[in-house]
Amino acid sequence: MASDFRLKEQLPELTEEIVATYTPDDAINHLGHSALPSYTGVTDILLNLKDVLYPGYRRKVGLHLGNIRYHVGSLIDLLHDQLTTEIARALRHEHRGKKNHSDCETDIDFEAKGQAMAIELLKRIPSLRTILGTDVLAAYEGDPACNTTDEVVFCYPGFEAVTVYRIAHELLKLDVPFIPRMMTEWAHKQTGIDIHPGATIADYFFIDHGTGVVVGETCQIGKHVKLYQGVTLGALSFPTDSEGQLIRGSKRHPTIEDRVVVYANATILGGRTVIGHDSVIGSSVWITKTVSPNTTVVLETPQLRVRGGESDPDVLDHDLNFQI
């Protein structure tokens, strides 16, 4: 059956109804302003940065010492332009969002500020490669199923999320607005791992399996820390002021000291909570208080009840409680 073109006569009226919702106090439109950072532009920056960080692993193959300088030079030139454009957009957006700002926007050269921040990030690539190299080793040495470090770079979602986090964290330290969060939320969508760019994470960091891991903004994580899937390093509560508004900027998330292992689905909450060095946190525990160094925290042994089925000495007995 062919579509009824007469129904299309309603479309102009529907358009007017939709446009009427785009009011000045509407929080979900961005009309009459300069462009926001481009989502595709920011993700393309990440792809190009990963080509520089891990040459030969990503989109360009056949690289060797004879052509790597040309390849990286081309990418760095492109990244300079991309970062300058997107950071300038983010700075302009942040400036317009400030209340009672007195300086005229035309007096601010956002492109110049964006370029300076772009150059500074590019200068940090050597140190980024150094710390990411430790993260690769942590994954390889911490997972007996891993055969080579190449496998970590190619295959591990935890390493992908940590790579994006470390880039975003450097941008955040440079006071680049908006873009760091865009980057980590893109990684969150790709990997299921949610690391806020404001978290502070030392070297040799490894997330095994990874799906469902949450690392909050004010987390502090030491060296040689290993997290498994489903771990939450979150806030215990959200302090508010006298008017009920959230107080931002306080330490809300836990501190994890050196050489701590946190197993699957453990939940550790609170800005005053510290997990002492060389501790092991077992699966599915709920922690809101400090744990001393060299401590193992586990749930008491649960019981399974198995009912029905055939009696067999090699399987669980049926119709009784069973300690595991």
Protein backbone atom coordinates (compact mmCIF):
# COMPACT_ATOMS: atom_id res chain seq x y z
CA MET A 1 0.00 0.00 0.00
CA ALA A 2 1.39 3.40 -0.99
CA SER A 3 1.79 6.09 1.66
CA ASP A 4 -0.91 8.78 1.88
CA PHE A 5 0.75 12.04 0.85
CA ARG A 6 -2.19 13.99 2.26
CA LEU A 7 -0.95 13.15 5.75
CA LYS A 8 2.20 15.16 5.02
CA GLU A 9 0.05 18.28 5.12
CA GLN A 10 0.27 18.00 8.91
CA LEU A 11 4.05 18.34 8.95
CA PRO A 12 4.28 22.17 8.88
CA GLU A 13 1.93 22.37 11.87
CA LEU A 14 3.93 19.69 13.70
CA THR A 15 7.11 21.63 12.98
CA GLU A 16 5.62 24.78 14.51
CA GLU A 17 4.62 22.88 17.64
CA ILE A 18 8.13 21.50 18.05
CA VAL A 19 9.87 24.83 17.43
CA ALA A 20 7.56 26.47 19.99
CA THR A 21 9.23 24.33 22.69
CA TYR A 22 12.62 25.92 21.96
CA THR A 23 12.20 28.70 24.53
CA PRO A 24 14.94 30.82 26.17
CA ASP A 25 14.59 28.88 29.43
CA ASP A 26 14.66 25.51 27.67
CA ALA A 27 17.65 23.62 29.10
CA ILE A 28 18.04 21.24 26.17
CA ASN A 29 18.67 23.51 23.22
CA HIS A 30 21.76 25.48 22.24
CA LEU A 31 20.44 28.06 19.79
CA GLY A 32 21.77 31.52 19.06
CA HIS A 33 25.23 30.71 20.41
CA SER A 34 28.58 29.74 18.96
CA ALA A 35 29.27 26.10 18.24
CA LEU A 36 29.88 23.63 21.03
CA PRO A 37 32.80 21.21 20.78
CA SER A 38 32.03 18.68 18.09
CA TYR A 39 31.37 15.16 19.35
CA THR A 40 32.81 13.65 16.17
CA GLY A 41 35.71 16.11 16.33
CA VAL A 42 36.60 15.06 19.88
CA THR A 43 36.40 11.34 19.10
CA ASP A 44 38.57 11.87 16.02
CA ILE A 45 41.13 13.59 18.27
CA LEU A 46 41.16 10.49 20.48
CA LEU A 47 41.72 8.21 17.49
CA ASN A 48 44.60 10.36 16.24
CA LEU A 49 46.16 10.57 19.70
CA LYS A 50 46.01 6.80 20.04
CA ASP A 51 47.80 6.48 16.69
CA VAL A 52 50.60 8.63 18.14
CA LEU A 53 50.64 6.84 21.49
CA TYR A 54 50.59 3.34 19.94
CA PRO A 55 52.12 3.58 16.45
CA GLY A 56 51.54 0.52 14.31
CA TYR A 57 48.64 -0.80 16.41
CA ARG A 58 45.80 1.30 15.07
CA ARG A 59 44.76 2.58 11.66
CA LYS A 60 48.16 2.91 9.96
CA VAL A 61 50.16 -0.23 9.24
CA GLY A 62 53.57 -0.72 7.68
CA LEU A 63 55.26 1.81 9.96
CA HIS A 64 59.01 1.58 10.60
CA LEU A 65 61.85 3.85 11.69
CA GLY A 66 62.23 5.14 8.14
CA ASN A 67 58.73 6.60 7.90
CA ILE A 68 57.56 7.05 11.49
CA ARG A 69 58.80 10.65 11.74
CA TYR A 70 56.71 11.71 8.74
CA HIS A 71 53.64 9.82 10.01
CA VAL A 72 53.80 11.25 13.53
CA GLY A 73 54.63 14.73 12.24
CA SER A 74 51.52 14.72 10.06
CA LEU A 75 49.37 13.59 12.97
CA ILE A 76 50.82 16.15 15.36
CA ASP A 77 50.15 18.94 12.85
CA LEU A 78 46.57 17.72 12.44
CA LEU A 79 46.08 17.33 16.19
CA HIS A 80 47.31 20.88 16.77
CA ASP A 81 44.56 22.20 14.52
CA GLN A 82 41.86 19.87 15.84
CA LEU A 83 42.65 20.54 19.50
CA THR A 84 42.88 24.29 18.99
CA THR A 85 39.44 24.40 17.37
CA GLU A 86 37.66 22.18 19.87
CA ILE A 87 39.30 23.67 22.97
CA ALA A 88 38.49 27.21 21.77
CA ARG A 89 34.85 26.20 21.38
CA ALA A 90 34.83 24.73 24.89
CA LEU A 91 36.43 27.85 26.40
CA ARG A 92 33.94 30.13 24.65
CA HIS A 93 31.04 27.99 25.87
CA GLU A 94 32.32 28.02 29.44
CA HIS A 95 32.80 31.80 29.34
CA ARG A 96 29.26 32.39 28.16
CA GLY A 97 27.93 30.13 30.87
CA LYS A 98 29.47 32.17 33.68
CA LYS A 99 27.11 34.48 35.52
CA ASN A 100 27.82 38.18 35.77
CA HIS A 101 30.96 38.08 33.64
CA SER A 102 31.99 41.67 32.99
CA ASP A 103 34.66 41.34 30.32
CA CYS A 104 33.56 41.59 26.72
CA GLU A 105 33.87 38.35 24.76
CA THR A 106 35.48 40.17 21.89
CA ASP A 107 38.40 41.03 24.20
CA ILE A 108 39.20 37.33 24.71
CA ASP A 109 41.13 35.40 22.08
CA PHE A 110 39.76 31.93 22.68
CA GLU A 111 41.66 30.51 19.72
CA ALA A 112 44.97 31.72 21.17
CA LYS A 113 44.13 30.15 24.53
CA GLY A 114 43.04 26.97 22.80
CA GLN A 115 46.26 26.80 20.83
CA ALA A 116 48.39 27.22 23.97
CA MET A 117 46.49 24.40 25.68
CA ALA A 118 46.76 22.21 22.58
CA ILE A 119 50.54 22.68 22.44
CA GLU A 120 50.84 21.89 26.14
CA LEU A 121 48.90 18.63 25.74
CA LEU A 122 51.08 17.60 22.81
CA LYS A 123 54.17 18.28 24.93
CA ARG A 124 52.86 15.76 27.46
CA ILE A 125 52.64 12.86 25.00
CA PRO A 126 56.09 11.44 25.94
CA SER A 127 55.15 11.28 29.63
CA LEU A 128 51.73 9.84 28.72
CA ARG A 129 53.48 7.08 26.78
CA THR A 130 55.66 6.34 29.80
CA ILE A 131 52.80 5.89 32.26
CA LEU A 132 50.64 4.00 29.76
CA GLY A 133 53.58 1.66 29.24
CA THR A 134 53.37 0.78 32.93
CA ASP A 135 49.63 0.14 32.59
CA VAL A 136 50.32 -2.31 29.73
CA LEU A 137 52.83 -4.16 31.91
CA ALA A 138 50.38 -4.24 34.82
CA ALA A 139 47.79 -5.92 32.59
CA TYR A 140 50.27 -8.39 31.10
CA GLU A 141 51.81 -9.32 34.45
CA GLY A 142 48.46 -9.39 36.25
CA ASP A 143 46.52 -11.63 33.89
CA PRO A 144 47.73 -15.21 33.23
CA ALA A 145 45.38 -15.38 30.22
CA CYS A 146 47.38 -12.64 28.49
CA ASN A 147 50.08 -13.93 26.15
CA THR A 148 51.71 -10.68 24.96
CA THR A 149 51.62 -6.96 25.63
CA ASP A 150 50.30 -6.57 22.07
CA GLU A 151 47.17 -8.39 23.24
CA VAL A 152 46.64 -5.73 25.92
CA VAL A 153 46.81 -2.85 23.44
CA PHE A 154 44.63 -4.60 20.87
CA CYS A 155 42.03 -6.31 23.02
CA TYR A 156 41.66 -5.11 26.60
CA PRO A 157 38.72 -2.76 27.28
CA GLY A 158 40.25 -1.80 30.61
CA PHE A 159 43.35 -0.52 28.87
CA GLU A 160 41.22 1.35 26.32
CA ALA A 161 39.33 3.10 29.12
CA VAL A 162 42.53 3.92 31.01
CA THR A 163 44.12 5.35 27.84
CA VAL A 164 41.22 7.74 27.30
CA TYR A 165 41.14 8.61 31.01
CA ARG A 166 44.84 9.55 31.05
CA ILE A 167 44.41 11.84 28.01
CA ALA A 168 41.30 13.44 29.50
CA HIS A 169 42.98 13.86 32.88
CA GLU A 170 45.83 15.84 31.35
CA LEU A 171 43.33 18.12 29.60
CA LEU A 172 41.48 18.61 32.88
CA LYS A 173 44.73 19.58 34.61
CA LEU A 174 45.16 22.20 31.88
CA ASP A 175 41.72 23.60 32.83
CA VAL A 176 40.16 22.60 29.53
CA PRO A 177 36.40 22.52 30.13
CA PHE A 178 33.80 20.11 28.78
CA ILE A 179 36.08 18.05 26.49
CA PRO A 180 37.63 15.75 29.16
CA ARG A 181 34.18 14.59 30.19
CA MET A 182 33.16 14.08 26.57
CA MET A 183 36.18 11.82 26.14
CA THR A 184 35.63 9.64 29.20
CA GLU A 185 31.92 9.28 28.50
CA TRP A 186 32.78 8.12 24.98
CA ALA A 187 35.09 5.52 26.53
CA HIS A 188 32.32 4.62 28.98
CA LYS A 189 29.99 3.89 26.08
CA GLN A 190 32.65 1.87 24.26
CA THR A 191 33.86 -0.24 27.20
CA GLY A 192 31.28 -0.11 30.00
CA ILE A 193 33.97 1.42 32.25
CA ASP A 194 33.21 4.82 33.80
CA ILE A 195 36.33 6.70 34.96
CA HIS A 196 35.84 10.38 35.76
CA PRO A 197 38.69 12.49 34.32
CA GLY A 198 39.12 14.18 37.70
CA ALA A 199 40.22 10.97 39.43
CA THR A 200 43.92 10.70 40.32
CA ILE A 201 45.43 7.35 39.30
CA ALA A 202 49.10 6.43 39.67
CA ASP A 203 51.07 4.12 37.40
CA TYR A 204 50.75 0.35 36.88
CA PHE A 205 46.94 0.50 36.98
CA PHE A 206 44.96 -2.49 35.70
CA ILE A 207 41.23 -3.08 35.26
CA ASP A 208 40.57 -6.75 34.48
CA HIS A 209 37.45 -7.57 32.42
CA GLY A 210 36.13 -4.16 33.33
CA THR A 211 32.41 -4.02 32.56
CA GLY A 212 30.55 -1.99 35.17
CA VAL A 213 33.57 -0.42 36.88
CA VAL A 214 32.93 3.10 38.23
CA VAL A 215 35.72 5.40 39.45
CA GLY A 216 34.47 8.69 40.88
CA GLU A 217 35.81 12.20 40.37
CA THR A 218 37.70 12.58 43.64
CA CYS A 219 39.13 9.05 43.85
CA GLN A 220 42.83 8.76 44.58
CA ILE A 221 44.38 5.49 43.45
CA GLY A 222 47.96 4.47 44.19
CA LYS A 223 50.48 2.37 42.28
CA HIS A 224 49.99 -1.26 41.23
CA VAL A 225 46.24 -1.27 41.94
CA LYS A 226 44.04 -3.90 40.28
CA LEU A 227 40.25 -3.71 39.91
CA TYR A 228 37.90 -6.37 38.61
CA GLN A 229 34.55 -5.99 36.88
CA GLY A 230 31.65 -4.32 38.64
CA VAL A 231 33.76 -2.44 41.21
CA THR A 232 32.32 0.88 42.36
CA LEU A 233 34.54 3.53 43.93
CA GLY A 234 31.76 5.96 44.68
CA ALA A 235 30.31 8.62 46.96
CA LEU A 236 28.64 7.73 50.23
CA SER A 237 26.40 10.80 50.21
CA PHE A 238 26.10 14.17 48.50
CA PRO A 239 26.54 17.11 50.92
CA THR A 240 24.22 20.05 50.36
CA ASP A 241 24.22 23.70 51.44
CA SER A 242 21.54 25.54 53.45
CA GLU A 243 19.41 25.85 50.32
CA GLY A 244 19.63 22.17 49.48
CA GLN A 245 22.04 22.64 46.58
CA LEU A 246 24.87 20.16 46.05
CA ILE A 247 28.23 21.29 47.44
CA ARG A 248 30.72 20.66 44.66
CA GLY A 249 34.47 20.17 44.89
CA SER A 250 34.61 18.23 48.18
CA LYS A 251 36.36 14.85 48.54
CA ARG A 252 33.49 12.40 48.02
CA HIS A 253 35.21 9.24 46.78
CA PRO A 254 37.63 6.80 48.43
CA THR A 255 41.39 6.59 48.45
CA ILE A 256 42.96 3.30 47.35
CA GLU A 257 46.59 2.96 48.40
CA ASP A 258 49.40 1.05 46.65
CA ARG A 259 49.18 -2.62 45.69
CA VAL A 260 45.49 -3.07 46.51
CA VAL A 261 43.35 -5.67 44.71
CA VAL A 262 39.58 -5.14 44.59
CA TYR A 263 37.57 -8.11 43.36
CA ALA A 264 34.35 -8.19 41.34
CA ASN A 265 31.28 -6.20 42.40
CA ALA A 266 32.86 -4.72 45.53
CA THR A 267 31.49 -1.30 46.51
CA ILE A 268 33.74 1.17 48.32
CA LEU A 269 32.17 4.50 49.22
CA GLY A 270 33.03 7.82 50.86
CA GLY A 271 35.65 10.53 50.73
CA ARG A 272 37.06 9.58 54.13
CA THR A 273 37.33 5.90 53.28
CA VAL A 274 40.92 4.69 52.75
CA ILE A 275 41.87 1.19 51.67
CA GLY A 276 45.32 0.67 53.11
CA HIS A 277 48.23 -0.53 51.02
CA ASP A 278 48.67 -4.22 50.20
CA SER A 279 45.06 -5.03 51.09
CA VAL A 280 42.68 -7.39 49.30
CA ILE A 281 38.98 -6.57 49.05
CA GLY A 282 36.83 -9.60 48.25
CA SER A 283 33.91 -9.83 45.88
CA SER A 284 30.55 -8.19 46.61
CA VAL A 285 31.57 -6.49 49.86
CA TRP A 286 30.22 -3.06 50.90
CA ILE A 287 32.79 -0.80 52.55
CA THR A 288 32.21 2.67 53.99
CA LYS A 289 35.00 2.77 56.58
CA THR A 290 38.79 2.79 56.37
CA VAL A 291 40.58 -0.53 56.02
CA SER A 292 44.05 -0.86 57.56
CA PRO A 293 47.06 -1.83 55.41
CA ASN A 294 47.74 -5.52 54.77
CA THR A 295 44.11 -6.48 55.40
CA THR A 296 41.86 -8.98 53.62
CA VAL A 297 38.15 -8.22 53.63
CA VAL A 298 35.71 -10.95 52.56
CA LEU A 299 32.09 -11.88 53.12
CA GLU A 300 31.30 -14.76 55.45
CA THR A 301 30.85 -18.07 53.65
CA PRO A 302 27.32 -18.11 52.20
CA GLN A 303 25.03 -21.11 51.94
CA LEU A 304 23.43 -22.61 48.86
CA ARG A 305 20.15 -24.51 48.97
CA VAL A 306 19.84 -27.11 46.18
CA ARG A 307 16.47 -28.79 45.63
CA GLY A 308 15.38 -31.58 43.31
CA GLY A 309 17.51 -33.46 40.81
CA GLU A 310 19.01 -36.93 40.96
CA SER A 311 21.17 -38.00 43.87
CA ASP A 312 24.79 -38.24 42.74
CA PRO A 313 27.93 -38.31 44.91
CA ASP A 314 29.74 -36.08 42.40
CA VAL A 315 27.17 -33.25 42.51
CA LEU A 316 25.65 -31.09 45.22
CA ASP A 317 23.28 -32.96 47.52
CA HIS A 318 19.69 -31.94 46.91
CA ASP A 319 17.20 -30.70 49.50
CA LEU A 320 19.84 -29.50 51.98
CA ASN A 321 21.97 -26.47 52.81
CA PHE A 322 25.47 -26.53 51.36
CA GLN A 323 28.44 -24.48 52.57
CA ILE A 324 30.62 -23.04 49.79
